[in-house]
Amino acid sequence: MTAVQTTRDELSLIKSYLLLTHILKVFENDAKKLESDSPMQASPLYTEMIRGASRCAAVLLSGVRKEFKKRHIRICEVRHTERGVDTDYLCRGLHGTLHIDDEPFRRESDLRMRAYMGLEVAPIVTDSGRQSAPPVRPYSGRPAAGSSSPNPASRPPHTGRYA
């Protein structure tokens, strides 16, 4: 049960904190495994990619912690179970709990890890409805779907070189 006065933005911050701490642990464990296992030719590249994504997540986590201070939010306890993630928190002196089911938590952490590694091109929409990545541009400068400004100099798509 959440505290009565906890806002949607505050819950989104708490969720981001849980995801970012989990992601940092995953990145750190994976980087250590790559460094300790039998060396592959590309191991330093993979490790560098993971470390860069980890730095990105650490910067975001730092911002979340600053917001926690501003909003008087404190995480008391985090429990990872087979059902999901449970946390107890204090928000402006009020106690609350938050549960995130395992499947949505893993799906969201996977999307975020891909974004931090530069693998995801689609925007990620947060709980508060904000986009955390730039929108995708239309391919090859063509107007986006629904745009009514035709370009007379362009050829129709079916008259391409190999059509």
C-alpha atoms as a PDB file:
ATOM      1  CA  MET A   1       0.000   0.000   0.000  1.00  0.00           C
ATOM      2  CA  THR A   2       1.365   3.406  -0.905  1.00  0.00           C
ATOM      3  CA  ALA A   3       1.328   6.425   1.360  1.00  0.00           C
ATOM      4  CA  VAL A   4      -1.762   8.546   0.678  1.00  0.00           C
ATOM      5  CA  GLN A   5       0.159  11.709  -0.246  1.00  0.00           C
ATOM      6  CA  THR A   6       2.821  10.055  -2.387  1.00  0.00           C
ATOM      7  CA  THR A   7       2.543  11.525  -5.883  1.00  0.00           C
ATOM      8  CA  ARG A   8       2.908   9.703  -9.166  1.00  0.00           C
ATOM      9  CA  ASP A   9       6.255  11.470  -9.806  1.00  0.00           C
ATOM     10  CA  GLU A  10       7.565  10.352  -6.408  1.00  0.00           C
ATOM     11  CA  LEU A  11       6.549   6.752  -7.096  1.00  0.00           C
ATOM     12  CA  SER A  12       8.245   7.014 -10.491  1.00  0.00           C
ATOM     13  CA  LEU A  13      11.433   8.200  -8.756  1.00  0.00           C
ATOM     14  CA  ILE A  14      11.295   5.253  -6.356  1.00  0.00           C
ATOM     15  CA  LYS A  15      10.777   2.850  -9.265  1.00  0.00           C
ATOM     16  CA  SER A  16      13.696   4.425 -11.137  1.00  0.00           C
ATOM     17  CA  TYR A  17      15.884   4.054  -8.043  1.00  0.00           C
ATOM     18  CA  LEU A  18      15.025   0.345  -7.798  1.00  0.00           C
ATOM     19  CA  LEU A  19      15.676  -0.227 -11.504  1.00  0.00           C
ATOM     20  CA  LEU A  20      18.932   1.742 -11.576  1.00  0.00           C
ATOM     21  CA  THR A  21      20.413   0.007  -8.520  1.00  0.00           C
ATOM     22  CA  HIS A  22      19.497  -3.366 -10.035  1.00  0.00           C
ATOM     23  CA  ILE A  23      20.966  -2.403 -13.428  1.00  0.00           C
ATOM     24  CA  LEU A  24      24.222  -1.204 -11.862  1.00  0.00           C
ATOM     25  CA  LYS A  25      24.594  -4.548 -10.052  1.00  0.00           C
ATOM     26  CA  VAL A  26      23.954  -6.459 -13.288  1.00  0.00           C
ATOM     27  CA  PHE A  27      26.458  -4.343 -15.239  1.00  0.00           C
ATOM     28  CA  GLU A  28      29.110  -4.703 -12.527  1.00  0.00           C
ATOM     29  CA  ASN A  29      28.661  -8.492 -12.305  1.00  0.00           C
ATOM     30  CA  ASP A  30      28.802  -8.881 -16.090  1.00  0.00           C
ATOM     31  CA  ALA A  31      31.928  -6.715 -16.394  1.00  0.00           C
ATOM     32  CA  LYS A  32      33.670  -8.743 -13.675  1.00  0.00           C
ATOM     33  CA  LYS A  33      32.742 -12.009 -15.413  1.00  0.00           C
ATOM     34  CA  LEU A  34      34.107 -10.747 -18.730  1.00  0.00           C
ATOM     35  CA  GLU A  35      37.363  -9.656 -17.094  1.00  0.00           C
ATOM     36  CA  SER A  36      37.838 -12.892 -15.152  1.00  0.00           C
ATOM     37  CA  ASP A  37      36.749 -15.514 -17.713  1.00  0.00           C
ATOM     38  CA  SER A  38      39.034 -16.821 -20.406  1.00  0.00           C
ATOM     39  CA  PRO A  39      39.910 -13.785 -22.486  1.00  0.00           C
ATOM     40  CA  MET A  40      38.208 -13.320 -25.831  1.00  0.00           C
ATOM     41  CA  GLN A  41      39.571 -11.023 -28.467  1.00  0.00           C
ATOM     42  CA  ALA A  42      36.663  -8.571 -28.073  1.00  0.00           C
ATOM     43  CA  SER A  43      36.426  -8.790 -24.250  1.00  0.00           C
ATOM     44  CA  PRO A  44      37.913  -5.312 -23.696  1.00  0.00           C
ATOM     45  CA  LEU A  45      35.347  -3.845 -26.101  1.00  0.00           C
ATOM     46  CA  TYR A  46      32.429  -5.526 -24.340  1.00  0.00           C
ATOM     47  CA  THR A  47      33.760  -4.493 -20.956  1.00  0.00           C
ATOM     48  CA  GLU A  48      34.202  -0.901 -22.149  1.00  0.00           C
ATOM     49  CA  MET A  49      30.637  -0.887 -23.482  1.00  0.00           C
ATOM     50  CA  ILE A  50      29.291  -2.191 -20.167  1.00  0.00           C
ATOM     51  CA  ARG A  51      31.381   0.286 -18.150  1.00  0.00           C
ATOM     52  CA  GLY A  52      30.121   3.182 -20.302  1.00  0.00           C
ATOM     53  CA  ALA A  53      26.506   2.097 -19.819  1.00  0.00           C
ATOM     54  CA  SER A  54      27.217   1.728 -16.103  1.00  0.00           C
ATOM     55  CA  ARG A  55      28.510   5.317 -15.948  1.00  0.00           C
ATOM     56  CA  CYS A  56      25.321   6.499 -17.647  1.00  0.00           C
ATOM     57  CA  ALA A  57      23.164   4.615 -15.108  1.00  0.00           C
ATOM     58  CA  ALA A  58      25.284   5.964 -12.224  1.00  0.00           C
ATOM     59  CA  VAL A  59      24.746   9.559 -13.380  1.00  0.00           C
ATOM     60  CA  LEU A  60      21.003   8.966 -13.564  1.00  0.00           C
ATOM     61  CA  LEU A  61      21.014   7.347 -10.119  1.00  0.00           C
ATOM     62  CA  SER A  62      22.857  10.366  -8.748  1.00  0.00           C
ATOM     63  CA  GLY A  63      20.082  12.593 -10.105  1.00  0.00           C
ATOM     64  CA  VAL A  64      17.432  10.383  -8.524  1.00  0.00           C
ATOM     65  CA  ARG A  65      19.226  10.581  -5.162  1.00  0.00           C
ATOM     66  CA  LYS A  66      19.327  14.395  -5.409  1.00  0.00           C
ATOM     67  CA  GLU A  67      15.583  14.391  -6.052  1.00  0.00           C
ATOM     68  CA  PHE A  68      15.140  12.072  -3.055  1.00  0.00           C
ATOM     69  CA  LYS A  69      16.859  14.677  -0.871  1.00  0.00           C
ATOM     70  CA  LYS A  70      14.742  17.505  -2.280  1.00  0.00           C
ATOM     71  CA  ARG A  71      11.496  15.583  -1.804  1.00  0.00           C
ATOM     72  CA  HIS A  72      12.447  13.972   1.542  1.00  0.00           C
ATOM     73  CA  ILE A  73      12.242  10.394   0.245  1.00  0.00           C
ATOM     74  CA  ARG A  74      14.204   7.588   1.851  1.00  0.00           C
ATOM     75  CA  ILE A  75      14.341   3.917   0.898  1.00  0.00           C
ATOM     76  CA  CYS A  76      14.196   1.759   4.046  1.00  0.00           C
ATOM     77  CA  GLU A  77      14.328  -1.783   2.675  1.00  0.00           C
ATOM     78  CA  VAL A  78      14.369  -3.541  -0.707  1.00  0.00           C
ATOM     79  CA  ARG A  79      13.465  -7.212  -1.102  1.00  0.00           C
ATOM     80  CA  HIS A  80      13.875  -9.161  -4.352  1.00  0.00           C
ATOM     81  CA  THR A  81      11.692 -12.281  -4.448  1.00  0.00           C
ATOM     82  CA  GLU A  82      10.516 -14.641  -7.174  1.00  0.00           C
ATOM     83  CA  ARG A  83       7.256 -12.611  -7.304  1.00  0.00           C
ATOM     84  CA  GLY A  84       9.011  -9.293  -7.864  1.00  0.00           C
ATOM     85  CA  VAL A  85      10.540  -6.403  -5.960  1.00  0.00           C
ATOM     86  CA  ASP A  86       9.120  -4.996  -2.711  1.00  0.00           C
ATOM     87  CA  THR A  87      10.337  -1.857  -1.042  1.00  0.00           C
ATOM     88  CA  ASP A  88       9.489   0.094   2.092  1.00  0.00           C
ATOM     89  CA  TYR A  89      10.065   3.832   1.908  1.00  0.00           C
ATOM     90  CA  LEU A  90       9.485   7.067   3.764  1.00  0.00           C
ATOM     91  CA  CYS A  91       8.146  10.022   1.795  1.00  0.00           C
ATOM     92  CA  ARG A  92       7.957  13.274   3.749  1.00  0.00           C
ATOM     93  CA  GLY A  93       7.689  11.254   6.947  1.00  0.00           C
ATOM     94  CA  LEU A  94       4.930   8.961   5.685  1.00  0.00           C
ATOM     95  CA  HIS A  95       5.634   5.239   5.407  1.00  0.00           C
ATOM     96  CA  GLY A  96       4.731   3.451   2.178  1.00  0.00           C
ATOM     97  CA  THR A  97       5.381   0.201   0.369  1.00  0.00           C
ATOM     98  CA  LEU A  98       5.744  -0.462  -3.332  1.00  0.00           C
ATOM     99  CA  HIS A  99       5.596  -3.776  -5.188  1.00  0.00           C
ATOM    100  CA  ILE A 100       6.667  -4.302  -8.816  1.00  0.00           C
ATOM    101  CA  ASP A 101       5.934  -7.702 -10.360  1.00  0.00           C
ATOM    102  CA  ASP A 102       8.941  -9.659 -11.617  1.00  0.00           C
ATOM    103  CA  GLU A 103       8.062  -9.691 -15.339  1.00  0.00           C
ATOM    104  CA  PRO A 104       7.448  -5.933 -15.750  1.00  0.00           C
ATOM    105  CA  PHE A 105      10.538  -5.204 -13.621  1.00  0.00           C
ATOM    106  CA  ARG A 106      12.758  -7.392 -15.819  1.00  0.00           C
ATOM    107  CA  ARG A 107      11.224  -6.016 -19.029  1.00  0.00           C
ATOM    108  CA  GLU A 108      11.780  -2.404 -17.921  1.00  0.00           C
ATOM    109  CA  SER A 109      15.337  -3.091 -16.741  1.00  0.00           C
ATOM    110  CA  ASP A 110      16.119  -4.787 -20.070  1.00  0.00           C
ATOM    111  CA  LEU A 111      14.769  -1.790 -22.024  1.00  0.00           C
ATOM    112  CA  ARG A 112      16.782   0.619 -19.911  1.00  0.00           C
ATOM    113  CA  MET A 113      19.987  -1.431 -20.184  1.00  0.00           C
ATOM    114  CA  ARG A 114      19.602  -1.467 -23.964  1.00  0.00           C
ATOM    115  CA  ALA A 115      19.109   2.303 -23.989  1.00  0.00           C
ATOM    116  CA  TYR A 116      22.160   2.904 -21.763  1.00  0.00           C
ATOM    117  CA  MET A 117      24.249   0.699 -24.062  1.00  0.00           C
ATOM    118  CA  GLY A 118      23.017   2.567 -27.122  1.00  0.00           C
ATOM    119  CA  LEU A 119      21.082  -0.427 -28.492  1.00  0.00           C
ATOM    120  CA  GLU A 120      17.515   0.859 -28.224  1.00  0.00           C
ATOM    121  CA  VAL A 121      16.300   3.487 -30.677  1.00  0.00           C
ATOM    122  CA  ALA A 122      12.654   3.750 -29.608  1.00  0.00           C
ATOM    123  CA  PRO A 123      11.861   6.312 -26.915  1.00  0.00           C
ATOM    124  CA  ILE A 124      11.278   5.063 -23.391  1.00  0.00           C
ATOM    125  CA  VAL A 125       8.176   6.569 -21.799  1.00  0.00           C
ATOM    126  CA  THR A 126       8.331   6.842 -18.010  1.00  0.00           C
ATOM    127  CA  ASP A 127       5.438   6.368 -15.593  1.00  0.00           C
ATOM    128  CA  SER A 128       4.840  10.114 -15.584  1.00  0.00           C
ATOM    129  CA  GLY A 129       4.454  10.080 -19.389  1.00  0.00           C
ATOM    130  CA  ARG A 130       7.760  11.821 -20.154  1.00  0.00           C
ATOM    131  CA  GLN A 131      10.066  10.541 -22.858  1.00  0.00           C
ATOM    132  CA  SER A 132      13.632   9.854 -21.815  1.00  0.00           C
ATOM    133  CA  ALA A 133      14.967   9.453 -25.350  1.00  0.00           C
ATOM    134  CA  PRO A 134      14.582  11.627 -28.450  1.00  0.00           C
ATOM    135  CA  PRO A 135      11.831  10.701 -30.898  1.00  0.00           C
ATOM    136  CA  VAL A 136      12.824   8.643 -33.921  1.00  0.00           C
ATOM    137  CA  ARG A 137      13.281  10.600 -37.177  1.00  0.00           C
ATOM    138  CA  PRO A 138      11.501   9.504 -40.333  1.00  0.00           C
ATOM    139  CA  TYR A 139      13.655   7.449 -42.678  1.00  0.00           C
ATOM    140  CA  SER A 140      15.671   9.305 -45.362  1.00  0.00           C
ATOM    141  CA  GLY A 141      14.106  12.695 -44.828  1.00  0.00           C
ATOM    142  CA  ARG A 142      10.663  11.637 -46.020  1.00  0.00           C
ATOM    143  CA  PRO A 143       7.752  13.323 -44.238  1.00  0.00           C
ATOM    144  CA  ALA A 144       6.370  11.438 -41.282  1.00  0.00           C
ATOM    145  CA  ALA A 145       3.116   9.525 -41.705  1.00  0.00           C
ATOM    146  CA  GLY A 146       0.161  11.877 -41.809  1.00  0.00           C
ATOM    147  CA  SER A 147       2.236  14.804 -43.049  1.00  0.00           C
ATOM    148  CA  SER A 148       0.497  16.689 -45.842  1.00  0.00           C
ATOM    149  CA  SER A 149       3.471  18.477 -47.414  1.00  0.00           C
ATOM    150  CA  PRO A 150       4.330  16.540 -50.592  1.00  0.00           C
ATOM    151  CA  ASN A 151       7.783  16.916 -52.077  1.00  0.00           C
ATOM    152  CA  PRO A 152       7.405  17.021 -55.875  1.00  0.00           C
ATOM    153  CA  ALA A 153      11.116  16.328 -56.448  1.00  0.00           C
ATOM    154  CA  SER A 154      10.996  12.936 -54.741  1.00  0.00           C
ATOM    155  CA  ARG A 155      10.103   9.778 -56.622  1.00  0.00           C
ATOM    156  CA  PRO A 156       7.278   7.529 -55.473  1.00  0.00           C
ATOM    157  CA  PRO A 157       8.560   4.662 -53.274  1.00  0.00           C
ATOM    158  CA  HIS A 158       7.735   1.980 -55.897  1.00  0.00           C
ATOM    159  CA  THR A 159       9.989   3.495 -58.585  1.00  0.00           C
ATOM    160  CA  GLY A 160      13.222   2.723 -56.812  1.00  0.00           C
ATOM    161  CA  ARG A 161      16.294   1.341 -58.545  1.00  0.00           C
ATOM    162  CA  TYR A 162      15.418  -2.295 -57.871  1.00  0.00           C
ATOM    163  CA  ALA A 163      11.632  -2.059 -58.277  1.00  0.00           C
END
